[in-house]
Amino acid sequence: MSQRLSPAELEARLRLHGLPELGPRRFRKLLAAFDTASAALSAPASAWRALGLPAVCAEARRNAEVRERARAALAWLEARDRHLLMWDDPAYPGLLAELDDAPSLLFVAGEPSLLEQPQLAVVGSRRASRPGLDTAHSFARSLAAGGFVITSGLALGIDGAAHQGALDASGKTIAVLGTGLEQLYPARHARLAADIVAGGGALVSELPLDCPPQAGNFPRRNRIISGLSLGVLVVEASPSSGSLITARLAAEQGREVYAIPGSIHHPGARGCHQLIREGATLVESIEHILEALRGWQVQMPPAAEPAASLQPSHPLLELLHAAPHSSEALAAVSGWPLAEVLAALTELELEGRIAREGGRWVGRGG
């Protein structure tokens, strides 16, 4: 929490922050015009109108609800491991400060200094497949073991798997919420959120502490995820996924964008394929991520690459590495129905993991 602000000025900023339709740009416009939040709150409504601010902002300044919300925030900050970072505070994360619409303030539960450390965002579908969840977990685990902070949005699916992967590596992870920190969403991730803080990580939100889930706030949350990070890895996403919003924001912010490919038959891979067509880096291992981040001196553990490999064991692939087989022979040896064998072979071929030679299938690579 900033030590430069008097208690009165801090409360005044919290009151400004709680006003309707007062986003980061308008917040800074007020401070530029009046120098302090206290002076802005005392200024006549005509002065606010002259700045082009909505009437609803000026009218709400003296609402009892706005005052009470500010007092509640001050009380919240008295507890251990609770912090408030203002955009003009030296402790405010530098990468995030580069954004034109950088949050005016950030509520942080946990370790605030983590926001300045090298971060990689891992995001994806809420309704991810089991392989997608495993991939997110293994990439996050390997990257966190190597020293990167893993940043995501605490959502179900890929986000949760990424946070857990970092924790399982005894690494650090940041969860950026699309709600207030006193309104954790989804509720089933309350334990995960507690584990993140207990593990030396942080929960972050620009929203008032009591702000409930609202659809419009999640895209706002996404710009913070990408803004904090050196790059964004999209593991699995449909073309309409919010993860693609995060990725495109990352590109606009000058961050690296990575996407993991999948089967052309899997709807969850289409968003990643779309990103790759638009210029995202195709990722098959963490080395593809690190190649673009060579300026960061991060030592990956020897076992990191296999742990984050996109080549998990497959029963048919193991048989083909042992010896070439025809489709019919694979069905006989594996005990699978021929239709299932043919479907699996198609996916393996599309992924470049097998090839057909002389009428028989052979495994490619290790």
Protein backbone atom coordinates (compact mmCIF):
# COMPACT_ATOMS: atom_id res chain seq x y z
CA MET A 1 0.00 0.00 0.00
CA SER A 2 1.30 3.45 -0.88
CA GLN A 3 2.90 5.25 2.05
CA ARG A 4 2.79 8.63 0.29
CA LEU A 5 -0.95 9.17 0.69
CA SER A 6 -2.56 10.55 3.80
CA PRO A 7 -5.47 8.51 5.21
CA ALA A 8 -7.90 11.18 3.97
CA GLU A 9 -6.47 11.14 0.45
CA LEU A 10 -6.48 7.34 0.38
CA GLU A 11 -10.14 7.28 1.36
CA ALA A 12 -10.89 9.93 -1.27
CA ARG A 13 -9.24 7.83 -3.97
CA LEU A 14 -11.25 4.81 -2.89
CA ARG A 15 -14.41 6.90 -3.12
CA LEU A 16 -13.48 8.04 -6.64
CA HIS A 17 -12.74 4.46 -7.60
CA GLY A 18 -16.19 3.38 -6.45
CA LEU A 19 -18.09 5.87 -8.62
CA PRO A 20 -20.18 4.52 -11.52
CA GLU A 21 -18.77 4.96 -15.03
CA LEU A 22 -15.43 6.20 -13.72
CA GLY A 23 -12.79 4.06 -15.38
CA PRO A 24 -9.00 4.41 -15.22
CA ARG A 25 -8.75 7.15 -17.86
CA ARG A 26 -11.39 9.34 -16.17
CA PHE A 27 -9.84 8.66 -12.78
CA ARG A 28 -6.49 9.99 -14.00
CA LYS A 29 -8.16 12.91 -15.78
CA LEU A 30 -9.68 14.01 -12.46
CA LEU A 31 -6.37 13.78 -10.62
CA ALA A 32 -4.60 15.68 -13.39
CA ALA A 33 -7.20 18.43 -13.23
CA PHE A 34 -7.53 18.77 -9.45
CA ASP A 35 -4.18 17.37 -8.26
CA THR A 36 -5.74 15.30 -5.46
CA ALA A 37 -8.76 13.03 -5.10
CA SER A 38 -9.91 15.10 -2.12
CA ALA A 39 -9.99 18.25 -4.24
CA ALA A 40 -11.78 16.41 -7.04
CA LEU A 41 -14.51 15.26 -4.67
CA SER A 42 -14.96 18.82 -3.41
CA ALA A 43 -15.09 20.43 -6.85
CA PRO A 44 -18.44 21.65 -8.20
CA ALA A 45 -20.39 19.44 -10.57
CA SER A 46 -19.89 22.04 -13.31
CA ALA A 47 -16.12 21.44 -13.13
CA TRP A 48 -16.71 17.73 -13.63
CA ARG A 49 -19.00 18.42 -16.59
CA ALA A 50 -16.32 20.68 -18.10
CA LEU A 51 -14.01 17.66 -18.13
CA GLY A 52 -16.58 15.70 -20.11
CA LEU A 53 -17.44 13.37 -17.24
CA PRO A 54 -20.91 11.80 -17.05
CA ALA A 55 -23.37 13.47 -14.72
CA VAL A 56 -23.88 10.20 -12.87
CA CYS A 57 -20.25 10.37 -11.66
CA ALA A 58 -20.63 13.79 -10.05
CA GLU A 59 -24.03 12.94 -8.61
CA ALA A 60 -22.80 9.78 -6.90
CA ARG A 61 -19.88 11.45 -5.11
CA ARG A 62 -21.75 11.99 -1.87
CA ASN A 63 -23.74 8.77 -1.83
CA ALA A 64 -23.66 6.98 1.50
CA GLU A 65 -23.02 3.72 -0.36
CA VAL A 66 -19.86 5.10 -1.98
CA ARG A 67 -18.58 6.33 1.39
CA GLU A 68 -19.34 3.02 3.08
CA ARG A 69 -17.59 1.05 0.33
CA ALA A 70 -14.46 3.17 0.81
CA ARG A 71 -14.56 2.67 4.58
CA ALA A 72 -14.99 -1.08 4.10
CA ALA A 73 -11.95 -1.15 1.82
CA LEU A 74 -9.87 0.67 4.42
CA ALA A 75 -10.96 -1.86 7.04
CA TRP A 76 -10.09 -4.73 4.65
CA LEU A 77 -6.59 -3.31 4.22
CA GLU A 78 -5.95 -3.56 7.96
CA ALA A 79 -5.76 -7.36 7.77
CA ARG A 80 -2.56 -9.28 7.14
CA ASP A 81 -1.42 -9.86 3.52
CA ARG A 82 -3.82 -7.27 2.09
CA HIS A 83 -2.52 -4.44 -0.03
CA LEU A 84 -3.56 -1.65 -2.36
CA LEU A 85 -1.34 -0.61 -5.27
CA MET A 86 -2.05 2.77 -6.88
CA TRP A 87 -1.06 3.34 -10.50
CA ASP A 88 1.33 6.14 -9.43
CA ASP A 89 2.89 4.05 -6.65
CA PRO A 90 6.54 2.98 -7.22
CA ALA A 91 5.47 -0.58 -6.31
CA TYR A 92 2.88 -0.70 -9.11
CA PRO A 93 3.89 -3.36 -11.70
CA GLY A 94 5.88 -1.71 -14.47
CA LEU A 95 4.59 -3.76 -17.40
CA LEU A 96 0.98 -3.12 -16.43
CA ALA A 97 1.67 0.60 -16.02
CA GLU A 98 2.50 0.77 -19.74
CA LEU A 99 -1.17 0.27 -20.68
CA ASP A 100 -3.25 3.30 -21.63
CA ASP A 101 -6.05 1.93 -19.47
CA ALA A 102 -3.92 0.54 -16.64
CA PRO A 103 -6.07 0.03 -13.54
CA SER A 104 -6.17 3.05 -11.27
CA LEU A 105 -5.61 0.75 -8.34
CA LEU A 106 -5.23 -2.93 -7.59
CA PHE A 107 -6.45 -4.77 -4.54
CA VAL A 108 -3.97 -7.54 -3.72
CA ALA A 109 -4.37 -10.44 -1.29
CA GLY A 110 -1.02 -12.14 -0.81
CA GLU A 111 2.42 -11.05 -1.96
CA PRO A 112 2.31 -7.76 -3.97
CA SER A 113 5.99 -7.86 -5.03
CA LEU A 114 5.14 -10.92 -7.14
CA LEU A 115 3.45 -8.62 -9.66
CA GLU A 116 6.85 -7.24 -10.66
CA GLN A 117 8.42 -10.64 -11.29
CA PRO A 118 8.61 -12.27 -14.78
CA GLN A 119 5.20 -13.75 -15.51
CA LEU A 120 3.69 -15.99 -18.17
CA ALA A 121 -0.06 -16.17 -18.54
CA VAL A 122 -1.67 -19.55 -19.18
CA VAL A 123 -5.32 -19.37 -20.26
CA GLY A 124 -7.91 -21.43 -22.08
CA SER A 125 -11.35 -22.98 -22.11
CA ARG A 126 -13.51 -23.41 -19.04
CA ARG A 127 -14.79 -26.66 -20.57
CA ALA A 128 -11.41 -28.10 -21.44
CA SER A 129 -10.71 -31.69 -22.39
CA ARG A 130 -8.72 -33.96 -20.09
CA PRO A 131 -5.65 -33.76 -22.37
CA GLY A 132 -5.99 -29.97 -22.40
CA LEU A 133 -6.08 -29.82 -18.61
CA ASP A 134 -3.06 -32.12 -18.39
CA THR A 135 -1.14 -29.97 -20.88
CA ALA A 136 -1.93 -26.74 -19.00
CA HIS A 137 -0.88 -28.33 -15.73
CA SER A 138 2.40 -29.72 -17.10
CA PHE A 139 3.41 -26.51 -18.89
CA ALA A 140 2.61 -24.40 -15.83
CA ARG A 141 4.42 -26.80 -13.55
CA SER A 142 7.57 -26.78 -15.69
CA LEU A 143 7.60 -23.02 -16.21
CA ALA A 144 6.94 -22.33 -12.52
CA ALA A 145 9.71 -24.74 -11.52
CA GLY A 146 12.01 -22.71 -13.76
CA GLY A 147 11.23 -19.44 -12.03
CA PHE A 148 8.35 -17.91 -13.97
CA VAL A 149 5.26 -16.72 -12.11
CA ILE A 150 2.16 -18.29 -13.68
CA THR A 151 -0.67 -15.81 -14.12
CA SER A 152 -4.25 -16.77 -14.95
CA GLY A 153 -7.86 -15.95 -14.14
CA LEU A 154 -8.95 -18.53 -11.51
CA ALA A 155 -11.66 -19.80 -13.88
CA LEU A 156 -12.68 -23.42 -14.18
CA GLY A 157 -10.83 -25.52 -16.73
CA ILE A 158 -7.46 -24.42 -18.09
CA ASP A 159 -7.01 -21.54 -15.61
CA GLY A 160 -7.45 -23.77 -12.60
CA ALA A 161 -5.14 -26.43 -14.03
CA ALA A 162 -2.44 -23.80 -14.64
CA HIS A 163 -2.65 -22.42 -11.11
CA GLN A 164 -2.51 -25.95 -9.68
CA GLY A 165 0.46 -26.87 -11.86
CA ALA A 166 2.42 -23.94 -10.49
CA LEU A 167 1.51 -24.86 -6.92
CA ASP A 168 2.49 -28.49 -7.49
CA ALA A 169 5.95 -27.29 -8.52
CA SER A 170 6.17 -25.21 -5.31
CA GLY A 171 6.17 -22.23 -7.65
CA LYS A 172 4.30 -18.94 -7.53
CA THR A 173 1.05 -18.07 -9.25
CA ILE A 174 -1.16 -14.99 -9.55
CA ALA A 175 -4.93 -15.15 -9.99
CA VAL A 176 -6.53 -12.05 -11.53
CA LEU A 177 -10.22 -11.96 -10.69
CA GLY A 178 -13.17 -10.62 -12.65
CA THR A 179 -14.93 -9.98 -9.32
CA GLY A 180 -14.05 -8.24 -6.09
CA LEU A 181 -11.68 -10.11 -3.80
CA GLU A 182 -14.52 -10.58 -1.30
CA GLN A 183 -16.69 -12.22 -3.99
CA LEU A 184 -14.53 -15.13 -5.17
CA TYR A 185 -15.81 -16.70 -8.36
CA PRO A 186 -16.26 -19.54 -9.07
CA ALA A 187 -17.06 -20.54 -5.50
CA ARG A 188 -15.64 -24.03 -6.03
CA HIS A 189 -12.20 -22.44 -6.45
CA ALA A 190 -12.23 -20.91 -2.96
CA ARG A 191 -9.81 -23.59 -1.74
CA LEU A 192 -7.53 -23.04 -4.74
CA ALA A 193 -7.54 -19.29 -4.05
CA ALA A 194 -6.56 -19.92 -0.43
CA ASP A 195 -3.78 -22.27 -1.54
CA ILE A 196 -2.44 -19.63 -3.94
CA VAL A 197 -2.08 -17.08 -1.14
CA ALA A 198 -0.73 -19.66 1.33
CA GLY A 199 1.85 -20.69 -1.28
CA GLY A 200 3.25 -17.17 -1.55
CA GLY A 201 1.14 -16.16 -4.55
CA ALA A 202 -1.45 -13.42 -4.93
CA LEU A 203 -5.06 -12.71 -5.78
CA VAL A 204 -5.55 -9.46 -7.70
CA SER A 205 -8.52 -7.36 -8.76
CA GLU A 206 -9.16 -3.77 -9.80
CA LEU A 207 -12.85 -4.11 -8.91
CA PRO A 208 -14.46 -2.99 -5.64
CA LEU A 209 -14.13 -5.70 -3.02
CA ASP A 210 -17.83 -6.54 -3.00
CA CYS A 211 -18.29 -6.56 -6.80
CA PRO A 212 -20.20 -9.72 -7.83
CA PRO A 213 -19.69 -11.64 -11.10
CA GLN A 214 -20.77 -9.49 -14.07
CA ALA A 215 -20.16 -10.52 -17.67
CA GLY A 216 -18.67 -7.19 -18.71
CA ASN A 217 -15.95 -7.33 -16.07
CA PHE A 218 -14.21 -10.45 -17.34
CA PRO A 219 -12.83 -8.87 -20.55
CA ARG A 220 -11.52 -6.04 -18.31
CA ARG A 221 -9.87 -8.69 -16.15
CA ASN A 222 -8.24 -10.22 -19.23
CA ARG A 223 -6.30 -7.05 -20.09
CA ILE A 224 -4.69 -7.22 -16.64
CA ILE A 225 -3.69 -10.87 -17.12
CA SER A 226 -1.97 -10.07 -20.40
CA GLY A 227 -0.68 -6.70 -19.19
CA LEU A 228 1.17 -8.25 -16.27
CA SER A 229 2.77 -10.96 -18.38
CA LEU A 230 5.68 -11.26 -20.79
CA GLY A 231 3.57 -13.59 -22.92
CA VAL A 232 0.27 -15.45 -23.05
CA LEU A 233 -0.04 -19.18 -23.72
CA VAL A 234 -3.45 -20.34 -24.95
CA VAL A 235 -3.82 -24.07 -24.34
CA GLU A 236 -7.32 -24.86 -25.59
CA ALA A 237 -10.06 -22.49 -26.74
CA SER A 238 -13.02 -22.20 -29.06
CA PRO A 239 -13.12 -19.27 -31.52
CA SER A 240 -15.57 -17.45 -29.21
CA SER A 241 -13.53 -18.03 -26.05
CA GLY A 242 -12.57 -15.15 -23.79
CA SER A 243 -9.05 -16.54 -23.96
CA LEU A 244 -8.79 -15.22 -27.51
CA ILE A 245 -9.64 -11.78 -26.15
CA THR A 246 -6.72 -12.13 -23.75
CA ALA A 247 -4.44 -13.24 -26.58
CA ARG A 248 -5.42 -10.35 -28.83
CA LEU A 249 -5.01 -7.87 -26.01
CA ALA A 250 -1.55 -9.35 -25.43
CA ALA A 251 -0.65 -8.81 -29.09
CA GLU A 252 -1.88 -5.21 -28.93
CA GLN A 253 0.17 -4.69 -25.77
CA GLY A 254 3.32 -5.96 -27.49
CA ARG A 255 3.42 -9.23 -25.56
CA GLU A 256 4.28 -12.65 -26.98
CA VAL A 257 1.34 -14.89 -27.91
CA TYR A 258 1.67 -18.67 -27.93
CA ALA A 259 -0.90 -21.28 -28.91
CA ILE A 260 -0.92 -25.06 -28.62
CA PRO A 261 -2.28 -26.87 -31.69
CA GLY A 262 -4.63 -29.82 -31.58
CA SER A 263 -6.67 -32.10 -33.76
CA ILE A 264 -8.67 -30.41 -36.51
CA HIS A 265 -11.62 -32.48 -35.27
CA HIS A 266 -11.50 -31.02 -31.77
CA PRO A 267 -13.62 -27.85 -31.35
CA GLY A 268 -11.37 -26.74 -28.48
CA ALA A 269 -8.41 -26.52 -30.85
CA ARG A 270 -10.02 -24.15 -33.34
CA GLY A 271 -9.35 -21.00 -31.35
CA CYS A 272 -5.68 -21.92 -31.02
CA HIS A 273 -5.45 -22.67 -34.75
CA GLN A 274 -7.03 -19.30 -35.48
CA LEU A 275 -4.42 -17.56 -33.32
CA ILE A 276 -1.63 -19.43 -35.10
CA ARG A 277 -3.00 -18.30 -38.47
CA GLU A 278 -2.99 -14.75 -37.10
CA GLY A 279 0.68 -14.99 -36.15
CA ALA A 280 0.84 -16.62 -32.71
CA THR A 281 3.81 -18.88 -32.06
CA LEU A 282 2.93 -22.55 -32.41
CA VAL A 283 4.05 -24.30 -29.23
CA GLU A 284 4.87 -27.97 -28.79
CA SER A 285 7.23 -27.67 -25.81
CA ILE A 286 8.37 -25.03 -23.35
CA GLU A 287 11.48 -24.48 -25.46
CA HIS A 288 9.28 -22.76 -28.05
CA ILE A 289 8.21 -20.31 -25.33
CA LEU A 290 11.69 -19.76 -23.98
CA GLU A 291 13.14 -19.06 -27.44
CA ALA A 292 11.20 -15.81 -27.54
CA LEU A 293 12.21 -14.88 -24.00
CA ARG A 294 15.95 -15.41 -24.13
CA GLY A 295 16.54 -12.09 -22.41
CA TRP A 296 15.19 -13.56 -19.19
CA GLN A 297 17.74 -15.61 -17.30
CA VAL A 298 15.55 -18.47 -16.15
CA GLN A 299 17.12 -21.85 -15.47
CA MET A 300 14.79 -24.67 -16.39
CA PRO A 301 15.20 -27.93 -14.48
CA PRO A 302 16.51 -30.93 -16.48
CA ALA A 303 13.16 -32.68 -16.34
CA ALA A 304 11.16 -29.64 -17.40
CA GLU A 305 10.86 -30.37 -21.12
CA PRO A 306 9.55 -33.92 -20.83
CA ALA A 307 7.08 -32.81 -18.20
CA ALA A 308 5.68 -30.22 -20.63
CA SER A 309 5.87 -32.32 -23.75
CA LEU A 310 2.90 -32.51 -26.06
CA GLN A 311 3.68 -36.15 -26.78
CA PRO A 312 1.89 -38.06 -24.03
CA SER A 313 1.90 -41.83 -24.17
CA HIS A 314 -0.68 -43.35 -26.52
CA PRO A 315 -1.34 -47.11 -26.58
CA LEU A 316 -1.33 -47.35 -30.37
CA LEU A 317 1.74 -45.14 -30.69
CA GLU A 318 3.66 -47.40 -28.30
CA LEU A 319 2.79 -50.41 -30.46
CA LEU A 320 3.92 -48.58 -33.60
CA HIS A 321 7.22 -47.55 -32.04
CA ALA A 322 7.81 -51.21 -31.31
CA ALA A 323 7.05 -52.36 -34.88
CA PRO A 324 5.09 -51.28 -37.99
CA HIS A 325 1.49 -52.51 -38.10
CA SER A 326 -1.46 -52.42 -40.46
CA SER A 327 -4.74 -50.98 -39.17
CA GLU A 328 -6.21 -54.46 -38.89
CA ALA A 329 -3.17 -55.78 -37.04
CA LEU A 330 -3.36 -52.90 -34.57
CA ALA A 331 -7.00 -53.69 -33.89
CA ALA A 332 -6.11 -57.32 -33.23
CA VAL A 333 -3.12 -56.55 -31.00
CA SER A 334 -4.73 -53.71 -29.04
CA GLY A 335 -8.16 -55.28 -28.71
CA TRP A 336 -9.76 -52.02 -29.87
CA PRO A 337 -12.65 -52.03 -32.39
CA LEU A 338 -11.35 -51.29 -35.89
CA ALA A 339 -13.44 -48.08 -36.11
CA GLU A 340 -11.79 -46.70 -32.96
CA VAL A 341 -8.36 -47.67 -34.26
CA LEU A 342 -8.97 -45.87 -37.55
CA ALA A 343 -10.21 -42.72 -35.76
CA ALA A 344 -7.17 -42.70 -33.45
CA LEU A 345 -4.78 -43.27 -36.36
CA THR A 346 -6.28 -40.32 -38.20
CA GLU A 347 -5.62 -38.01 -35.25
CA LEU A 348 -2.11 -39.35 -34.72
CA GLU A 349 -1.33 -38.84 -38.41
CA LEU A 350 -2.69 -35.28 -38.38
CA GLU A 351 -0.50 -34.56 -35.35
CA GLY A 352 2.52 -35.82 -37.26
CA ARG A 353 3.18 -38.62 -34.81
CA ILE A 354 2.74 -41.52 -37.26
CA ALA A 355 3.10 -42.08 -41.01
CA ARG A 356 1.93 -44.72 -43.47
CA GLU A 357 4.74 -46.56 -45.25
CA GLY A 358 4.30 -49.55 -47.52
CA GLY A 359 0.73 -50.15 -46.37
CA ARG A 360 1.66 -50.16 -42.68
CA TRP A 361 1.71 -47.52 -39.95
CA VAL A 362 4.98 -46.50 -38.29
CA GLY A 363 5.67 -44.23 -35.32
CA ARG A 364 7.60 -41.01 -35.89
CA GLY A 365 9.96 -39.37 -33.43
CA GLY A 366 10.59 -40.41 -29.83
